[in-house]
Amino acid sequence: MIKYLDPSYKDEIRQLYENSFPEDSQSFVDHYFDNYLDVDNVIGQTIDGELVSMVHQNPYQMKWQDKLYEMPYIVAVATHSAHKRKGYMREMLKWMLNDQYKSGITLSLLMPIDSTYYDQFGYGFVQDMLSYKFKADGLELKVQSPPYKILGPDDNIELLNDYNRYKTQFNLSENRGMRALANLVKEVQAEDGCVVVLPDAYVAYYNNDEVFVRECAYSSYEGLVNCLKYIVDIAGDKFVEWMAPVDSPLKHLIPHRKGNSRTLKPFMMVRVINVQQILEDMALMLGDSIIKVTDQQIFDNNGTYAIRGSDVSRTDEKPDITIDVESLAQWLFAYESLENLAEIRESVTLHREVIYYPELPIKNFFNQYV
């Protein structure tokens, strides 16, 4: 049986989580279950009352193109080892997507360890990140070591202004408040990390065999330089690993030299849950056009949509574009062009030469690892 779970399953949820994700420390699991888990948002597959598979839908408020969306962030996708390869997860994810549609959700997101499983469910990558690995050697930072403050669990208010200024440069970002930032500090500390405030910036990092920068938000270029200077000061001769948006100025500060590396990594996948709604939200950017959409999981999305001004309606007219739901997300988020999608996928066809595009490329920032 597939259903939303209730608090009576909390112990089973935790046991399945710990068995499925043994790499997570006890302190991290404690933090997740104390601060993030809402059992009411967990979908489970049960057999004779026993939990065998689960999906967590953590609610996140995201801002995209100046509009707020409640997006379920899909995590902790797990099946008991004795019940794998029986199709339970496939059934549950299809059930989940159709339930999200009925609930009025427009977009759903996840950050997969292995994306191949989610392609079949209509999720498509919309954001890449650059992973930098480097040492301080060769960095020409002509600044003094900046003043800093290591935050305690109740100091998170000092993050809010820098985060809010930082996210304005992105068309997609998490809409965080005080509680979310407090959880960031607690979560990093649960993994023996630090969150440090510097002039015009803050940085969250872990200092182990290497220094791993989990998140850096800055309100000026000088703020980014301050973070980089602080990190290389504490790293000494250790390697630093730092994930950042592709167009971050960090790429101009870290020299491309032997021993240093920068690797492009697909990062975030988005799934269009309600095609009608997303086309209405994007209508003025797309211009007048007729788009036929195919969806193998949410059948209610299948159809041809006429966009005229701000109005979107179903139609029997000949389409300008035929596109599958995964490619639709990648196009609307400006991750890939229509021409390239039509070249690589049989499910995308351009029926006319002139096609409208969103006016602005979508710049994404969502640096969250829970």
Protein backbone atom coordinates (compact mmCIF):
# COMPACT_ATOMS: atom_id res chain seq x y z
CA MET A 1 0.00 0.00 0.00
CA ILE A 2 1.25 3.48 -0.90
CA LYS A 3 0.25 6.20 1.52
CA TYR A 4 1.37 9.20 3.52
CA LEU A 5 2.82 7.95 6.77
CA ASP A 6 1.84 9.00 10.26
CA PRO A 7 3.96 9.51 13.42
CA SER A 8 3.61 5.85 14.38
CA TYR A 9 6.10 5.08 11.58
CA LYS A 10 8.82 7.46 12.79
CA ASP A 11 11.04 4.73 14.23
CA GLU A 12 10.73 2.64 11.06
CA ILE A 13 11.51 5.71 8.93
CA ARG A 14 14.66 6.33 10.92
CA GLN A 15 15.75 2.70 10.77
CA LEU A 16 15.29 2.59 6.99
CA TYR A 17 17.15 5.89 6.66
CA GLU A 18 20.13 4.72 8.73
CA ASN A 19 20.32 1.39 6.88
CA SER A 20 20.10 3.11 3.47
CA PHE A 21 22.51 5.99 4.14
CA PRO A 22 25.25 4.60 6.42
CA GLU A 23 27.63 7.38 5.32
CA ASP A 24 25.63 9.94 7.32
CA SER A 25 26.94 10.49 10.84
CA GLN A 26 24.80 9.96 13.90
CA SER A 27 24.89 13.69 14.68
CA PHE A 28 23.70 14.55 11.17
CA VAL A 29 20.86 12.02 11.34
CA ASP A 30 19.83 13.39 14.74
CA HIS A 31 19.81 16.90 13.30
CA TYR A 32 17.78 15.87 10.25
CA PHE A 33 15.13 14.04 12.25
CA ASP A 34 14.91 16.79 14.89
CA ASN A 35 14.83 19.81 12.54
CA TYR A 36 13.77 18.75 9.06
CA LEU A 37 11.66 15.63 9.14
CA ASP A 38 7.91 16.04 9.08
CA VAL A 39 6.43 12.53 8.98
CA ASP A 40 3.31 13.91 7.32
CA ASN A 41 5.43 14.65 4.20
CA VAL A 42 6.83 11.12 3.93
CA ILE A 43 5.30 8.77 1.39
CA GLY A 44 5.73 5.10 2.20
CA GLN A 45 5.13 1.72 0.58
CA THR A 46 4.01 -0.78 3.20
CA ILE A 47 3.51 -4.52 3.04
CA ASP A 48 1.47 -6.06 5.85
CA GLY A 49 2.05 -2.84 7.78
CA GLU A 50 5.84 -2.96 7.39
CA LEU A 51 7.61 0.00 5.76
CA VAL A 52 9.64 -1.20 2.77
CA SER A 53 10.15 1.97 0.69
CA MET A 54 9.94 5.71 1.33
CA VAL A 55 10.32 9.14 -0.22
CA HIS A 56 10.64 12.35 1.82
CA GLN A 57 9.14 15.54 0.37
CA ASN A 58 10.75 18.37 2.32
CA PRO A 59 8.90 21.63 1.62
CA TYR A 60 10.99 24.50 0.30
CA GLN A 61 9.89 27.95 -0.76
CA MET A 62 11.75 28.92 -3.91
CA LYS A 63 11.78 32.21 -5.77
CA TRP A 64 11.87 31.91 -9.55
CA GLN A 65 11.41 34.84 -11.94
CA ASP A 66 10.18 36.96 -8.99
CA LYS A 67 7.42 34.46 -8.15
CA LEU A 68 7.34 32.29 -5.02
CA TYR A 69 6.80 28.57 -5.45
CA GLU A 70 6.24 25.90 -2.84
CA MET A 71 8.49 23.16 -4.21
CA PRO A 72 8.81 19.72 -2.62
CA TYR A 73 12.49 18.82 -2.39
CA ILE A 74 12.77 15.05 -2.85
CA VAL A 75 15.26 13.33 -0.52
CA ALA A 76 15.80 10.03 1.34
CA VAL A 77 14.56 7.90 -1.55
CA ALA A 78 15.12 4.43 -0.12
CA THR A 79 13.97 0.80 -0.31
CA HIS A 80 14.70 -1.92 2.20
CA SER A 81 17.47 -4.17 0.87
CA ALA A 82 15.23 -7.25 1.00
CA HIS A 83 12.64 -5.60 -1.24
CA LYS A 84 14.76 -3.99 -3.95
CA ARG A 85 14.17 -4.59 -7.67
CA LYS A 86 10.50 -5.37 -7.14
CA GLY A 87 9.18 -2.13 -8.67
CA TYR A 88 8.03 -0.60 -5.39
CA MET A 89 9.92 2.65 -5.85
CA ARG A 90 8.73 3.04 -9.43
CA GLU A 91 5.11 2.70 -8.28
CA MET A 92 5.65 5.12 -5.42
CA LEU A 93 7.32 7.86 -7.47
CA LYS A 94 4.54 7.76 -10.07
CA TRP A 95 1.99 7.94 -7.24
CA MET A 96 3.93 10.86 -5.72
CA LEU A 97 4.03 12.87 -8.96
CA ASN A 98 0.30 12.53 -9.55
CA ASP A 99 -0.40 13.43 -5.92
CA GLN A 100 1.75 16.56 -6.32
CA TYR A 101 -0.30 17.47 -9.41
CA LYS A 102 -3.58 17.05 -7.50
CA SER A 103 -2.15 19.12 -4.63
CA GLY A 104 -1.51 22.12 -6.89
CA ILE A 105 2.29 21.84 -6.98
CA THR A 106 3.90 23.48 -10.03
CA LEU A 107 7.52 22.33 -9.80
CA SER A 108 9.39 19.61 -7.92
CA LEU A 109 13.15 19.38 -7.40
CA LEU A 110 15.91 17.02 -6.29
CA MET A 111 19.70 16.75 -6.30
CA PRO A 112 20.49 13.15 -7.19
CA ILE A 113 23.48 10.98 -6.45
CA ASP A 114 22.59 9.03 -9.61
CA SER A 115 20.40 10.86 -12.11
CA THR A 116 19.74 7.92 -14.43
CA TYR A 117 16.89 6.64 -12.29
CA TYR A 118 15.03 9.97 -12.28
CA ASP A 119 15.24 10.68 -16.02
CA GLN A 120 12.38 8.24 -16.62
CA PHE A 121 10.14 10.23 -14.26
CA GLY A 122 10.48 13.51 -16.14
CA TYR A 123 13.14 15.17 -14.00
CA GLY A 124 15.78 17.05 -15.97
CA PHE A 125 18.95 18.83 -14.96
CA VAL A 126 18.56 22.61 -14.94
CA GLN A 127 21.72 23.63 -13.09
CA ASP A 128 25.39 22.68 -13.10
CA MET A 129 27.98 23.67 -10.53
CA LEU A 130 31.73 24.03 -10.80
CA SER A 131 33.70 22.09 -8.23
CA TYR A 132 37.09 23.69 -7.59
CA LYS A 133 39.93 21.83 -5.90
CA PHE A 134 43.01 23.89 -5.17
CA LYS A 135 45.74 24.91 -2.78
CA ALA A 136 46.70 28.40 -1.68
CA ASP A 137 49.90 28.30 -3.77
CA GLY A 138 49.66 30.77 -6.63
CA LEU A 139 46.65 32.72 -5.34
CA GLU A 140 47.40 36.41 -5.60
CA LEU A 141 45.13 37.83 -2.92
CA LYS A 142 46.51 41.26 -2.13
CA VAL A 143 44.34 41.71 0.93
CA GLN A 144 44.95 41.38 4.63
CA SER A 145 43.30 38.60 6.58
CA PRO A 146 39.75 39.91 7.20
CA PRO A 147 38.05 40.14 10.59
CA TYR A 148 35.62 37.31 11.20
CA LYS A 149 33.17 35.85 13.68
CA ILE A 150 32.43 32.15 14.14
CA LEU A 151 28.70 31.85 14.68
CA GLY A 152 26.99 30.11 17.52
CA PRO A 153 23.55 28.49 17.15
CA ASP A 154 21.71 31.72 18.03
CA ASP A 155 23.70 34.12 15.84
CA ASN A 156 22.12 33.29 12.49
CA ILE A 157 20.51 36.73 12.13
CA GLU A 158 23.90 37.95 10.96
CA LEU A 159 23.50 35.78 7.82
CA LEU A 160 20.18 37.15 6.64
CA ASN A 161 21.24 40.43 5.04
CA ASP A 162 24.16 38.90 3.13
CA TYR A 163 22.03 35.99 1.92
CA ASN A 164 19.17 38.23 0.79
CA ARG A 165 21.53 40.51 -1.13
CA TYR A 166 23.40 37.57 -2.64
CA LYS A 167 20.32 35.77 -3.95
CA THR A 168 19.10 38.84 -5.88
CA GLN A 169 21.56 37.99 -8.67
CA PHE A 170 19.77 34.66 -9.31
CA ASN A 171 16.42 33.97 -10.93
CA LEU A 172 16.03 30.77 -8.91
CA SER A 173 16.98 30.75 -5.24
CA GLU A 174 15.73 29.42 -1.95
CA ASN A 175 13.57 31.92 -0.09
CA ARG A 176 15.16 31.54 3.34
CA GLY A 177 14.07 33.05 6.60
CA MET A 178 15.50 33.00 10.10
CA ARG A 179 14.51 29.39 10.78
CA ALA A 180 16.19 28.08 7.63
CA LEU A 181 19.40 29.95 8.41
CA ALA A 182 19.33 28.71 12.01
CA ASN A 183 19.04 25.16 10.67
CA LEU A 184 22.00 25.79 8.37
CA VAL A 185 24.17 26.76 11.34
CA LYS A 186 22.98 23.81 13.43
CA GLU A 187 23.44 21.36 10.59
CA VAL A 188 26.98 22.46 9.80
CA GLN A 189 27.89 22.36 13.49
CA ALA A 190 26.37 18.88 13.79
CA GLU A 191 29.01 17.75 11.29
CA ASP A 192 31.81 19.56 13.18
CA GLY A 193 31.84 22.40 10.69
CA CYS A 194 31.78 26.18 11.08
CA VAL A 195 29.76 29.09 9.78
CA VAL A 196 31.77 32.30 9.76
CA VAL A 197 30.65 35.88 9.12
CA LEU A 198 33.11 38.22 7.38
CA PRO A 199 32.72 41.71 5.91
CA ASP A 200 30.01 41.51 3.20
CA ALA A 201 29.85 37.70 3.33
CA TYR A 202 29.53 34.45 5.20
CA VAL A 203 30.97 31.00 4.53
CA ALA A 204 30.03 27.54 5.82
CA TYR A 205 32.77 24.93 5.69
CA TYR A 206 34.23 21.71 7.11
CA ASN A 207 37.90 21.48 8.04
CA ASN A 208 39.05 17.86 7.96
CA ASP A 209 41.74 16.24 5.80
CA GLU A 210 40.65 18.82 3.24
CA VAL A 211 38.66 22.01 3.65
CA PHE A 212 35.25 21.67 2.04
CA VAL A 213 33.28 24.88 1.41
CA ARG A 214 29.63 24.00 1.53
CA GLU A 215 28.17 27.45 1.01
CA CYS A 216 29.40 30.97 0.47
CA ALA A 217 27.11 34.00 0.13
CA TYR A 218 28.47 37.47 -0.48
CA SER A 219 27.00 40.89 -1.15
CA SER A 220 30.05 42.29 -2.96
CA TYR A 221 33.10 41.10 -4.85
CA GLU A 222 35.18 42.13 -1.85
CA GLY A 223 33.04 39.82 0.28
CA LEU A 224 33.93 36.85 -1.93
CA VAL A 225 37.62 37.76 -1.73
CA ASN A 226 37.33 37.96 2.06
CA CYS A 227 35.86 34.45 2.16
CA LEU A 228 38.58 33.08 -0.11
CA LYS A 229 41.31 34.72 1.97
CA TYR A 230 39.85 33.32 5.19
CA ILE A 231 39.55 29.81 3.75
CA VAL A 232 43.11 29.65 2.40
CA ASP A 233 44.41 31.02 5.70
CA ILE A 234 42.83 28.18 7.70
CA ALA A 235 43.60 25.56 5.03
CA GLY A 236 47.37 26.10 5.04
CA ASP A 237 48.83 23.41 2.78
CA LYS A 238 45.59 21.39 2.64
CA PHE A 239 43.48 21.13 -0.50
CA VAL A 240 40.30 23.20 -0.60
CA GLU A 241 37.19 21.90 -2.37
CA TRP A 242 34.61 24.56 -3.19
CA MET A 243 31.39 24.21 -5.20
CA ALA A 244 30.08 27.38 -6.77
CA PRO A 245 27.69 28.50 -9.53
CA VAL A 246 29.23 28.27 -12.99
CA ASP A 247 29.39 32.04 -13.48
CA SER A 248 30.79 32.82 -10.01
CA PRO A 249 33.77 35.25 -10.03
CA LEU A 250 35.62 32.53 -8.12
CA LYS A 251 36.84 31.22 -11.48
CA HIS A 252 38.89 34.42 -11.91
CA LEU A 253 40.48 34.14 -8.47
CA ILE A 254 41.68 30.53 -8.56
CA PRO A 255 44.55 30.01 -11.03
CA HIS A 256 44.35 27.22 -13.56
CA ARG A 257 47.61 25.49 -12.79
CA LYS A 258 49.06 22.03 -12.23
CA GLY A 259 47.55 20.46 -9.12
CA ASN A 260 44.40 22.59 -9.22
CA SER A 261 41.23 21.37 -10.91
CA ARG A 262 37.77 22.57 -11.80
CA THR A 263 35.08 20.04 -12.66
CA LEU A 264 31.64 20.72 -14.07
CA LYS A 265 29.05 18.73 -12.14
CA PRO A 266 25.33 18.41 -12.93
CA PHE A 267 23.68 19.50 -9.71
CA MET A 268 19.95 20.14 -9.60
CA MET A 269 17.03 18.47 -11.37
CA VAL A 270 13.57 20.00 -11.74
CA ARG A 271 10.32 18.37 -12.77
CA VAL A 272 7.37 20.31 -14.18
CA ILE A 273 4.37 19.01 -12.26
CA ASN A 274 1.67 21.26 -13.74
CA VAL A 275 2.32 22.21 -17.37
CA GLN A 276 -0.67 24.55 -17.62
CA GLN A 277 0.51 26.56 -14.61
CA ILE A 278 4.15 26.88 -15.65
CA LEU A 279 3.17 28.00 -19.15
CA GLU A 280 0.84 30.60 -17.65
CA ASP A 281 3.65 31.87 -15.44
CA MET A 282 6.03 32.07 -18.44
CA ALA A 283 3.48 33.17 -21.04
CA LEU A 284 4.62 36.76 -21.49
CA MET A 285 8.21 35.59 -21.91
CA LEU A 286 7.34 32.89 -24.40
CA GLY A 287 5.16 35.01 -26.65
CA ASP A 288 2.33 33.68 -28.79
CA SER A 289 2.99 30.04 -29.60
CA ILE A 290 1.41 26.60 -29.61
CA ILE A 291 3.19 23.90 -27.61
CA LYS A 292 2.36 20.20 -27.47
CA VAL A 293 3.62 18.50 -24.30
CA THR A 294 4.02 14.78 -23.64
CA ASP A 295 4.23 13.35 -20.11
CA GLN A 296 4.64 9.63 -19.41
CA GLN A 297 3.79 9.90 -15.72
CA ILE A 298 1.20 12.66 -15.22
CA PHE A 299 -1.26 12.00 -18.02
CA ASP A 300 -3.30 15.13 -17.24
CA ASN A 301 -0.39 17.20 -18.58
CA ASN A 302 -0.59 15.64 -22.04
CA GLY A 303 -2.04 18.01 -24.61
CA THR A 304 -1.50 21.02 -26.85
CA TYR A 305 -1.42 24.48 -25.28
CA ALA A 306 -2.06 27.77 -27.10
CA ILE A 307 -0.27 30.78 -25.59
CA ARG A 308 -1.73 34.14 -26.60
CA GLY A 309 -0.63 37.07 -24.52
CA SER A 310 -1.05 36.05 -20.89
CA ASP A 311 -3.75 33.49 -21.71
CA VAL A 312 -2.98 29.76 -21.96
CA SER A 313 -5.63 27.30 -23.10
CA ARG A 314 -5.90 23.79 -24.53
CA THR A 315 -6.27 23.60 -28.28
CA ASP A 316 -6.49 21.19 -31.21
CA GLU A 317 -4.36 23.47 -33.40
CA LYS A 318 -1.16 22.28 -35.04
CA PRO A 319 1.75 22.86 -32.63
CA ASP A 320 4.83 24.96 -33.21
CA ILE A 321 6.77 22.75 -30.79
CA THR A 322 6.33 19.18 -29.59
CA ILE A 323 8.28 18.59 -26.40
CA ASP A 324 8.45 16.09 -23.53
CA VAL A 325 8.10 17.31 -19.96
CA GLU A 326 11.78 16.81 -19.05
CA SER A 327 12.94 18.85 -22.03
CA LEU A 328 10.32 21.49 -21.25
CA ALA A 329 11.95 22.16 -17.87
CA GLN A 330 15.43 22.28 -19.39
CA TRP A 331 14.27 24.74 -22.05
CA LEU A 332 12.31 27.03 -19.72
CA PHE A 333 15.21 27.12 -17.26
CA ALA A 334 17.54 27.98 -20.17
CA TYR A 335 19.70 24.95 -19.43
CA GLU A 336 19.49 23.80 -23.04
CA SER A 337 18.29 25.33 -26.31
CA LEU A 338 15.34 24.00 -28.26
CA GLU A 339 17.57 23.35 -31.26
CA ASN A 340 19.94 21.18 -29.23
CA LEU A 341 17.08 19.34 -27.56
CA ALA A 342 15.54 18.62 -30.96
CA GLU A 343 18.88 17.25 -32.15
CA ILE A 344 19.40 14.85 -29.26
CA ARG A 345 15.83 13.73 -28.43
CA GLU A 346 13.19 12.21 -30.65
CA SER A 347 10.57 13.55 -28.24
CA VAL A 348 11.34 17.16 -29.25
CA THR A 349 10.30 18.47 -32.66
CA LEU A 350 10.33 22.02 -34.01
CA HIS A 351 7.50 22.48 -36.48
CA ARG A 352 8.46 26.01 -37.53
CA GLU A 353 11.68 27.94 -37.91
CA VAL A 354 10.99 30.89 -35.61
CA ILE A 355 10.50 29.87 -32.00
CA TYR A 356 10.08 32.19 -29.04
CA TYR A 357 12.47 31.97 -26.10
CA PRO A 358 12.38 33.14 -22.51
CA GLU A 359 13.77 36.67 -22.43
CA LEU A 360 16.43 36.03 -19.81
CA PRO A 361 18.64 33.03 -19.07
CA ILE A 362 17.74 31.38 -15.79
CA LYS A 363 20.56 31.72 -13.25
CA ASN A 364 20.13 29.18 -10.49
CA PHE A 365 21.34 29.13 -6.91
CA PHE A 366 20.27 26.38 -4.58
CA ASN A 367 23.15 25.22 -2.42
CA GLN A 368 21.44 22.84 -0.01
CA TYR A 369 22.63 19.35 0.83
CA VAL A 370 20.01 17.94 3.19
